[in-house]
């Protein structure tokens, strides 16, 4: 029964990662990866600054959102 529970838990984690990706919850992690890969000279934005900038940009230029 333990392995069956592990399979269910693993499936739930995968679904949670997928749903987080769809909802944009992983946007900051993707930003950090891009920042590092692109070789920017300055330090990356802090997480709070990143989310503030992202929401400000979405509010000033809405695209394909439901609300």
Protein backbone atom coordinates (compact mmCIF):
# COMPACT_ATOMS: atom_id res chain seq x y z
CA UNK A 1 0.00 0.00 0.00
CA UNK A 2 2.95 2.33 0.61
CA UNK A 3 4.03 2.29 -3.03
CA UNK A 4 0.47 3.03 -4.17
CA UNK A 5 0.37 6.06 -1.90
CA UNK A 6 3.74 7.19 -3.26
CA UNK A 7 2.40 6.97 -6.82
CA UNK A 8 -0.65 9.05 -5.89
CA UNK A 9 1.51 11.62 -4.08
CA UNK A 10 3.90 11.81 -7.03
CA UNK A 11 0.98 12.31 -9.43
CA UNK A 12 -0.43 15.07 -7.22
CA UNK A 13 2.96 16.85 -7.14
CA UNK A 14 3.16 16.70 -10.92
CA UNK A 15 -0.34 18.12 -11.25
CA UNK A 16 0.48 20.88 -8.75
CA UNK A 17 3.61 21.81 -10.77
CA UNK A 18 1.56 21.87 -13.96
CA UNK A 19 -1.17 24.01 -12.42
CA UNK A 20 1.42 26.36 -10.93
CA UNK A 21 2.96 26.76 -14.38
CA UNK A 22 -0.40 27.53 -15.95
CA UNK A 23 -1.19 30.07 -13.25
CA UNK A 24 2.23 31.72 -13.51
CA UNK A 25 3.41 30.83 -10.01
CA UNK A 26 6.81 29.82 -11.37
CA UNK A 27 7.36 33.11 -13.22
CA UNK A 28 9.98 34.41 -10.79
CA UNK A 29 12.03 31.20 -11.01
CA UNK A 30 11.88 31.39 -14.81
CA UNK A 31 12.93 35.05 -14.65
CA UNK A 32 15.97 34.16 -12.52
CA UNK A 33 16.95 31.39 -14.95
CA UNK A 34 16.62 33.77 -17.89
CA UNK A 35 18.54 36.52 -16.09
CA UNK A 36 21.42 34.14 -15.38
CA UNK A 37 21.44 32.61 -18.89
CA UNK A 38 21.29 35.99 -20.64
CA UNK A 39 24.33 37.23 -18.72
CA UNK A 40 22.89 40.51 -17.47
CA UNK A 41 25.47 42.74 -15.78
CA UNK A 42 23.28 43.95 -12.92
CA UNK A 43 21.72 41.90 -10.16
CA UNK A 44 18.23 40.46 -10.75
CA UNK A 45 15.16 42.06 -9.24
CA UNK A 46 14.13 40.86 -5.83
CA UNK A 47 11.04 38.69 -5.73
CA UNK A 48 8.82 41.48 -4.40
CA UNK A 49 10.12 43.92 -7.04
CA UNK A 50 9.60 41.32 -9.77
CA UNK A 51 5.96 40.70 -8.88
CA UNK A 52 5.26 44.43 -8.53
CA UNK A 53 6.77 45.09 -11.98
CA UNK A 54 4.87 42.17 -13.50
CA UNK A 55 1.49 43.27 -12.17
CA UNK A 56 2.16 46.89 -13.14
CA UNK A 57 2.98 45.81 -16.71
CA UNK A 58 -0.13 43.63 -16.89
CA UNK A 59 -2.32 46.46 -15.63
CA UNK A 60 -0.91 48.97 -18.13
CA UNK A 61 -1.06 46.51 -21.06
CA UNK A 62 -3.80 43.87 -20.51
CA UNK A 63 -3.64 40.91 -22.89
CA UNK A 64 -5.96 37.95 -23.01
CA UNK A 65 -6.92 37.83 -19.37
CA UNK A 66 -10.32 36.91 -18.07
CA UNK A 67 -10.54 39.77 -15.55
